[in-house]
Amino acid sequence: MEREHKRHEHSGNARLVRNMIERSIRRQAVRLLEQKGDLSREDLILIKKEDIEGFIEG
C-alpha cells in the first residue's frame, strides 16, 4: 500500500483507498466471470488476496 501511495503522493489518502477498492472490485468481477459453476453469496461478497495483489505487500 505504501508503494502505491508513493506513486500518487499528490493524491489524498481517501482517494487512494477508494481507487484501490474500486480496482479490487473490478478484479473480483473478472475472477468471478472466469469461474465455472454457480456463485454463492460468499463468492459475491468476498474480496480475495489475488484481487488486491499489487496494493499490499506480503
Protein backbone atom coordinates (compact mmCIF):
# COMPACT_ATOMS: atom_id res chain seq x y z
CA MET A 1 0.00 0.00 0.00
CA GLU A 2 2.84 2.36 0.80
CA ARG A 3 4.34 1.72 -2.64
CA GLU A 4 1.02 2.62 -4.29
CA HIS A 5 0.77 5.76 -2.15
CA LYS A 6 4.24 6.91 -3.22
CA ARG A 7 3.19 6.63 -6.86
CA HIS A 8 0.32 9.01 -6.07
CA GLU A 9 1.84 11.23 -3.43
CA HIS A 10 -0.17 14.25 -4.61
CA SER A 11 -3.45 12.42 -4.04
CA GLY A 12 -5.36 12.32 -0.79
CA ASN A 13 -5.47 9.13 1.24
CA ALA A 14 -9.23 8.78 0.82
CA ARG A 15 -8.94 8.94 -2.96
CA LEU A 16 -6.15 6.35 -2.92
CA VAL A 17 -8.20 3.96 -0.78
CA ARG A 18 -11.30 4.48 -2.93
CA ASN A 19 -9.34 3.77 -6.11
CA MET A 20 -7.80 0.65 -4.58
CA ILE A 21 -11.22 -0.65 -3.51
CA GLU A 22 -12.74 0.04 -6.93
CA ARG A 23 -9.85 -1.69 -8.70
CA SER A 24 -10.15 -4.67 -6.35
CA ILE A 25 -13.87 -4.96 -7.09
CA ARG A 26 -13.17 -4.94 -10.84
CA ARG A 27 -10.56 -7.66 -10.40
CA GLN A 28 -13.04 -9.66 -8.31
CA ALA A 29 -15.64 -9.33 -11.07
CA VAL A 30 -13.22 -10.64 -13.70
CA ARG A 31 -12.22 -13.53 -11.44
CA LEU A 32 -15.87 -14.46 -10.86
CA LEU A 33 -16.67 -14.28 -14.58
CA GLU A 34 -13.87 -16.74 -15.27
CA GLN A 35 -15.07 -19.09 -12.53
CA LYS A 36 -17.16 -22.04 -13.66
CA GLY A 37 -20.40 -23.02 -11.93
CA ASP A 38 -22.83 -21.28 -9.65
CA LEU A 39 -21.68 -18.49 -7.37
CA SER A 40 -22.58 -18.40 -3.71
CA ARG A 41 -23.42 -15.28 -1.72
CA GLU A 42 -19.97 -15.56 -0.14
CA ASP A 43 -18.33 -15.65 -3.59
CA LEU A 44 -20.08 -12.40 -4.45
CA ILE A 45 -19.00 -10.52 -1.32
CA LEU A 46 -15.52 -11.94 -0.71
CA ILE A 47 -12.51 -9.99 -1.92
CA LYS A 48 -9.57 -12.39 -2.11
CA LYS A 49 -5.86 -11.70 -1.83
CA GLU A 50 -5.50 -12.13 -5.60
CA ASP A 51 -7.99 -9.27 -6.08
CA ILE A 52 -5.79 -6.87 -4.14
CA GLU A 53 -2.33 -8.10 -5.14
CA GLY A 54 -0.08 -5.23 -6.06
CA PHE A 55 -1.71 -2.95 -3.49
CA ILE A 56 -0.41 -4.69 -0.40
CA GLU A 57 2.94 -6.15 0.44
CA GLY A 58 3.25 -9.63 1.84
